[in-house]
Protein backbone atom coordinates (compact mmCIF):
# COMPACT_ATOMS: atom_id res chain seq x y z
CA MET A 1 16.56 1.64 -8.44
CA SER A 2 19.52 0.84 -10.67
CA CYS A 3 18.13 -2.65 -11.37
CA ILE A 4 14.71 -1.22 -12.35
CA ARG A 5 16.30 1.16 -14.85
CA LYS A 6 17.98 -1.74 -16.66
CA LEU A 7 14.63 -3.48 -17.29
CA SER A 8 13.04 -3.10 -20.71
CA ILE A 9 9.62 -1.48 -21.22
CA LYS A 10 6.78 -3.58 -22.64
CA VAL A 11 4.77 -1.83 -25.34
CA PRO A 12 1.06 -2.77 -25.79
CA LYS A 13 -0.25 -3.78 -29.20
CA GLN A 14 -2.39 -0.63 -29.43
CA VAL A 15 0.73 1.59 -29.21
CA ASN A 16 3.14 2.19 -32.09
CA ILE A 17 6.74 3.37 -31.66
CA GLU A 18 8.67 5.25 -34.36
CA ILE A 19 12.33 6.17 -33.94
CA LYS A 20 13.82 8.76 -36.32
CA LYS A 21 17.43 9.73 -35.59
CA ASN A 22 17.24 11.53 -32.23
CA LEU A 23 13.42 11.62 -31.96
CA ILE A 24 11.01 8.95 -30.71
CA GLN A 25 7.29 9.15 -31.40
CA VAL A 26 4.67 7.27 -29.37
CA VAL A 27 1.25 6.86 -31.04
CA GLY A 28 -1.79 5.38 -29.27
CA PRO A 29 -5.60 5.50 -29.15
CA GLU A 30 -5.55 8.60 -26.89
CA GLY A 31 -3.08 10.65 -28.98
CA HIS A 32 0.60 10.89 -29.89
CA LEU A 33 3.69 12.26 -28.11
CA THR A 34 7.29 12.91 -29.13
CA LEU A 35 10.51 12.89 -27.13
CA LYS A 36 14.01 14.06 -28.00
CA ILE A 37 16.71 11.47 -27.29
CA PRO A 38 20.06 12.78 -26.01
CA LYS A 39 23.26 11.66 -27.74
CA GLU A 40 24.37 9.78 -24.59
CA ILE A 41 21.41 7.35 -24.88
CA ASN A 42 20.69 4.70 -27.51
CA ILE A 43 17.15 3.24 -27.76
CA ILE A 44 16.37 -0.12 -29.38
CA PHE A 45 12.79 -1.21 -30.18
CA LYS A 46 12.39 -4.92 -30.97
CA ASN A 47 9.64 -7.52 -30.34
CA ARG A 48 7.40 -4.97 -28.57
CA LEU A 49 10.19 -4.23 -26.08
CA ILE A 50 12.16 -1.00 -25.60
CA THR A 51 15.73 -1.35 -24.32
CA PHE A 52 18.15 1.41 -23.40
CA GLU A 53 21.93 1.62 -23.77
CA LYS A 54 24.46 4.27 -22.73
CA THR A 55 26.90 5.39 -25.41
CA TYR A 56 29.12 7.07 -22.79
CA GLU A 57 29.92 5.88 -19.26
CA THR A 58 29.62 9.20 -17.49
CA LYS A 59 27.61 10.56 -14.55
CA LEU A 60 25.55 12.79 -16.87
CA ALA A 61 24.76 9.82 -19.13
CA SER A 62 23.50 7.73 -16.20
CA GLU A 63 21.25 10.60 -15.01
CA LYS A 64 19.78 11.10 -18.48
CA TYR A 65 19.36 7.32 -18.81
CA GLY A 66 16.97 7.21 -15.83
CA LEU A 67 15.07 10.36 -16.86
CA ILE A 68 14.49 9.19 -20.43
CA ARG A 69 13.27 5.79 -19.26
CA THR A 70 10.71 7.24 -16.82
CA LYS A 71 9.52 9.82 -19.36
CA LEU A 72 9.03 7.18 -22.05
CA ALA A 73 7.13 4.88 -19.67
CA LYS A 74 4.75 7.76 -18.74
CA MET A 75 4.26 8.60 -22.43
CA ILE A 76 3.22 5.02 -23.23
CA ARG A 77 0.78 5.03 -20.31
CA GLY A 78 -0.59 8.40 -21.41
CA VAL A 79 -1.39 7.49 -25.02
CA TYR A 80 -2.77 4.11 -23.92
CA ASN A 81 -5.71 3.46 -21.59
CA ILE A 82 -3.56 2.34 -18.61
CA SER A 83 -3.47 5.70 -16.83
CA HIS A 84 -7.20 6.44 -17.36
CA LEU A 85 -8.59 4.92 -14.16
CA GLY A 86 -11.71 7.08 -14.47
CA LYS A 87 -13.12 4.67 -17.06
CA LEU A 88 -12.96 1.68 -14.71
CA PRO A 89 -16.22 0.75 -12.90
CA ILE A 90 -16.59 1.27 -9.14
CA LYS A 91 -17.52 -1.92 -7.30
CA VAL A 92 -20.65 -1.69 -5.15
CA PRO A 93 -20.75 -3.95 -2.04
CA LYS A 94 -23.86 -5.90 -1.07
CA GLN A 95 -24.52 -3.71 1.99
CA VAL A 96 -24.79 -0.56 -0.16
CA ASN A 97 -27.85 0.43 -2.20
CA ILE A 98 -27.68 3.04 -4.97
CA GLU A 99 -30.60 4.96 -6.48
CA ILE A 100 -30.29 7.27 -9.50
CA LYS A 101 -33.09 9.82 -10.04
CA LYS A 102 -32.48 12.09 -13.03
CA LYS A 103 -29.39 14.09 -11.97
CA LEU A 104 -29.28 12.95 -8.34
CA ILE A 105 -27.59 9.85 -6.99
CA GLN A 106 -28.30 8.50 -3.49
CA VAL A 107 -25.99 6.06 -1.70
CA VAL A 108 -27.46 4.22 1.31
CA GLY A 109 -25.49 1.96 3.64
CA PRO A 110 -25.38 0.69 7.25
CA GLU A 111 -23.68 3.91 8.49
CA GLY A 112 -25.98 6.41 6.77
CA LYS A 113 -26.97 7.86 3.41
CA LEU A 114 -25.41 10.47 1.12
CA THR A 115 -26.62 12.29 -1.99
CA LEU A 116 -24.70 13.82 -4.87
CA LYS A 117 -25.78 16.11 -7.69
CA ILE A 118 -24.52 15.02 -11.12
CA PRO A 119 -23.47 17.72 -13.64
CA LYS A 120 -25.05 17.73 -17.08
CA GLU A 121 -21.70 16.85 -18.72
CA ILE A 122 -21.50 13.55 -16.80
CA ASN A 123 -23.43 10.33 -17.38
CA ILE A 124 -23.60 7.58 -14.72
CA ILE A 125 -24.54 3.98 -15.53
CA LEU A 126 -25.34 1.38 -12.85
CA ASN A 127 -25.04 -2.30 -13.81
CA ARG A 128 -23.81 -5.62 -12.41
CA CYS A 129 -20.15 -4.63 -12.78
CA GLY A 130 -20.67 -1.48 -10.71
CA ILE A 131 -20.93 2.24 -11.43
CA THR A 132 -19.28 3.67 -14.53
CA VAL A 133 -18.76 7.40 -15.01
CA SER A 134 -18.66 8.67 -18.60
CA LYS A 135 -18.58 12.05 -20.35
CA THR A 136 -21.31 13.38 -22.63
CA GLU A 137 -19.01 16.13 -23.95
CA LYS A 138 -15.37 15.99 -24.99
CA THR A 139 -14.18 19.12 -23.23
CA LYS A 140 -11.56 19.88 -20.62
CA GLY A 141 -14.19 20.79 -18.04
CA ALA A 142 -16.09 17.54 -18.56
CA HIS A 143 -12.84 15.57 -18.22
CA THR A 144 -11.99 17.13 -14.85
CA LYS A 145 -15.57 16.81 -13.59
CA SER A 146 -15.65 13.10 -14.46
CA LYS A 147 -12.55 12.49 -12.32
CA VAL A 148 -13.98 14.46 -9.38
CA ILE A 149 -17.39 12.76 -9.56
CA ARG A 150 -15.83 9.29 -9.72
CA LYS A 151 -13.64 9.96 -6.68
CA ARG A 152 -16.53 11.43 -4.70
CA LEU A 153 -18.74 8.43 -5.53
CA ARG A 154 -16.02 6.02 -4.43
CA ASN A 155 -15.61 7.90 -1.12
CA MET A 156 -19.38 7.92 -0.59
CA ILE A 157 -19.58 4.13 -1.03
CA ARG A 158 -16.71 3.67 1.43
CA GLY A 159 -18.17 6.15 3.93
CA VAL A 160 -21.63 4.58 4.21
CA ARG A 161 -19.98 1.23 4.93
CA LYS A 162 -17.33 2.45 7.39
CA LYS A 163 -17.10 6.02 8.63
CA PHE A 164 -14.03 8.12 7.90
CA GLU A 165 -12.03 9.08 10.96
CA HIS A 166 -9.46 11.69 11.97
CA LYS A 167 -7.59 11.64 15.28
CA LEU A 168 -6.06 14.94 16.41
CA LEU A 169 -3.64 15.07 19.36
CA MET A 170 -3.68 18.17 21.57
CA TYR A 171 -1.12 18.40 24.35
CA GLY A 172 0.07 21.15 26.66
CA ILE A 173 -0.22 22.33 30.26
CA SER A 174 -3.88 23.11 31.09
CA TYR A 175 -4.93 22.44 27.48
CA PHE A 176 -8.29 20.70 27.13
CA ALA A 177 -11.39 20.49 24.93
CA ARG A 178 -15.08 20.12 25.70
CA CYS A 179 -18.19 19.29 23.72
CA TRP A 180 -20.58 22.19 24.30
CA GLY A 181 -24.19 21.24 23.68
CA THR A 182 -24.91 18.92 20.78
CA ASN A 183 -23.18 20.73 17.92
CA GLN A 184 -20.19 22.67 19.32
CA VAL A 185 -16.61 21.95 20.38
CA ARG A 186 -14.64 24.38 22.55
CA LEU A 187 -10.83 24.43 22.77
CA TYR A 188 -9.01 25.86 25.78
CA ILE A 189 -5.37 26.40 24.79
CA GLY A 190 -4.07 29.20 27.00
CA PHE A 191 -5.99 32.17 25.61
CA THR A 192 -8.32 34.34 27.69
CA ASN A 193 -11.13 33.42 25.29
CA THR A 194 -11.96 29.98 23.89
CA PHE A 195 -12.15 28.73 20.31
CA THR A 196 -15.64 27.46 19.48
CA TYR A 197 -16.30 25.34 16.38
CA THR A 198 -19.75 24.35 15.15
CA ILE A 199 -19.93 20.65 14.26
CA PRO A 200 -21.45 20.13 10.77
CA GLU A 201 -24.44 17.90 10.27
CA GLY A 202 -23.50 14.23 9.94
CA ILE A 203 -20.21 14.62 11.86
CA GLN A 204 -19.52 13.11 15.29
CA VAL A 205 -16.83 14.35 17.70
CA PHE A 206 -15.45 12.33 20.64
CA LEU A 207 -12.87 13.30 23.25
CA ALA A 208 -10.41 10.93 24.95
CA ASP A 209 -7.20 11.02 27.01
CA HIS A 210 -3.92 9.92 25.46
CA LYS A 211 -2.29 7.07 27.38
CA LEU A 212 1.30 7.71 26.28
CA VAL A 213 1.49 11.52 26.09
CA TRP A 214 1.26 13.25 29.47
CA ASP A 215 -1.61 15.72 29.65
CA GLY A 216 -2.51 14.87 26.06
CA LYS A 217 -6.05 14.92 24.67
CA ILE A 218 -7.33 13.20 21.52
CA ILE A 219 -10.10 14.72 19.40
CA ILE A 220 -11.77 12.01 17.29
CA ILE A 221 -13.79 13.21 14.27
CA LYS A 222 -16.03 10.70 12.47
CA GLY A 223 -18.44 10.91 9.55
CA CYS A 224 -19.68 9.31 6.33
CA ASP A 225 -18.87 12.34 4.15
CA LYS A 226 -15.11 12.50 3.63
CA GLU A 227 -15.20 16.14 2.50
CA LYS A 228 -16.93 17.31 5.69
CA VAL A 229 -14.62 15.24 7.92
CA ASP A 230 -11.46 16.57 6.22
CA LEU A 231 -12.72 20.16 6.22
CA PHE A 232 -13.69 20.16 9.90
CA ALA A 233 -10.41 18.49 10.90
CA SER A 234 -8.42 21.10 8.93
CA ARG A 235 -10.32 23.92 10.66
CA VAL A 236 -9.52 22.50 14.10
CA LEU A 237 -5.86 21.98 13.10
CA ALA A 238 -5.65 25.61 11.92
CA THR A 239 -6.29 26.89 15.47
CA PRO A 240 -3.50 29.43 16.09
CA PRO A 241 -1.06 28.82 18.98
CA PRO A 242 -0.90 31.28 21.90
CA VAL A 243 0.86 34.57 21.06
CA PRO A 244 4.07 35.15 23.10
CA VAL A 245 3.92 37.89 25.75
CA VAL A 246 6.44 40.65 24.98
CA VAL A 247 7.70 42.77 27.90
CA PRO A 248 9.75 45.97 27.30
CA PHE A 249 13.41 45.85 28.30
CA ARG A 250 14.22 47.23 31.77
CA SER A 251 17.45 48.04 33.58
CA ASP A 252 16.97 45.25 36.14
CA MET A 253 17.17 42.66 33.32
CA VAL A 254 20.87 43.37 32.64
CA ASN A 255 22.03 40.38 34.65
CA SER A 256 19.63 38.00 32.89
CA THR A 257 20.52 35.88 29.89
CA TYR A 258 18.13 37.81 27.61
CA THR A 259 19.17 40.92 25.71
CA GLY A 260 16.99 43.59 24.18
CA MET A 261 13.50 42.15 24.66
CA PHE A 262 12.33 39.57 27.22
CA THR A 263 9.88 37.12 25.73
CA HIS A 264 7.87 34.38 27.34
CA ARG A 265 6.03 31.70 25.37
CA TYR A 266 3.25 29.59 26.77
CA ALA A 267 3.88 25.84 27.10
């Protein structure tokens, strides 16, 4: 880390740097930002390179040296187009077909097909380079929606080629799971009643034994839609553990190692 801090920062041609006493201003096509420079740090801008020097050799100066360098690097990326990955096109493989009908986009691949509704603030263009997501309005809501739509489209293209997968390990004495019917999973984890989860449409659930963990079971969740797979896996993971049985204190427990209340927790 200390070697990285000593490296100078390259400034693109589209970005201008102005240093006035203890203030540095970064101006680019996306806006301008200012940063206050502490007295322990000296900044030199020459030949499109920013170098840093410490005026005092103290622990505080070295800490501020690293902070100022990282902040300035993020500022340059922010005012320039480097950090805006949402404007880059999404590559479409040969096995995937995409159809755009008004405000609906359909992605078809070897593993299935997915559809997505496009908001009115977002415009999608399909060409040889891939899919580009752009904004029709310059608002904060349109900016956030463009990022979400781009990420969802990228996950859809990945999912129809190769399904997303989650593997959950369940282990414990007499713990097991069963697929009930075609769209339900039941967990038996020590309660008198079972936990039943309805499998969403487009999701597949498989059960297997773990080879390394004794009495361990693996729940495999697969699907093209990443949101559905993640949501169903989080619901299964949120299954509460068995509640400990609390027995009131009795006089015959005096010789035991427990005091006050005797508790027993399931394995």
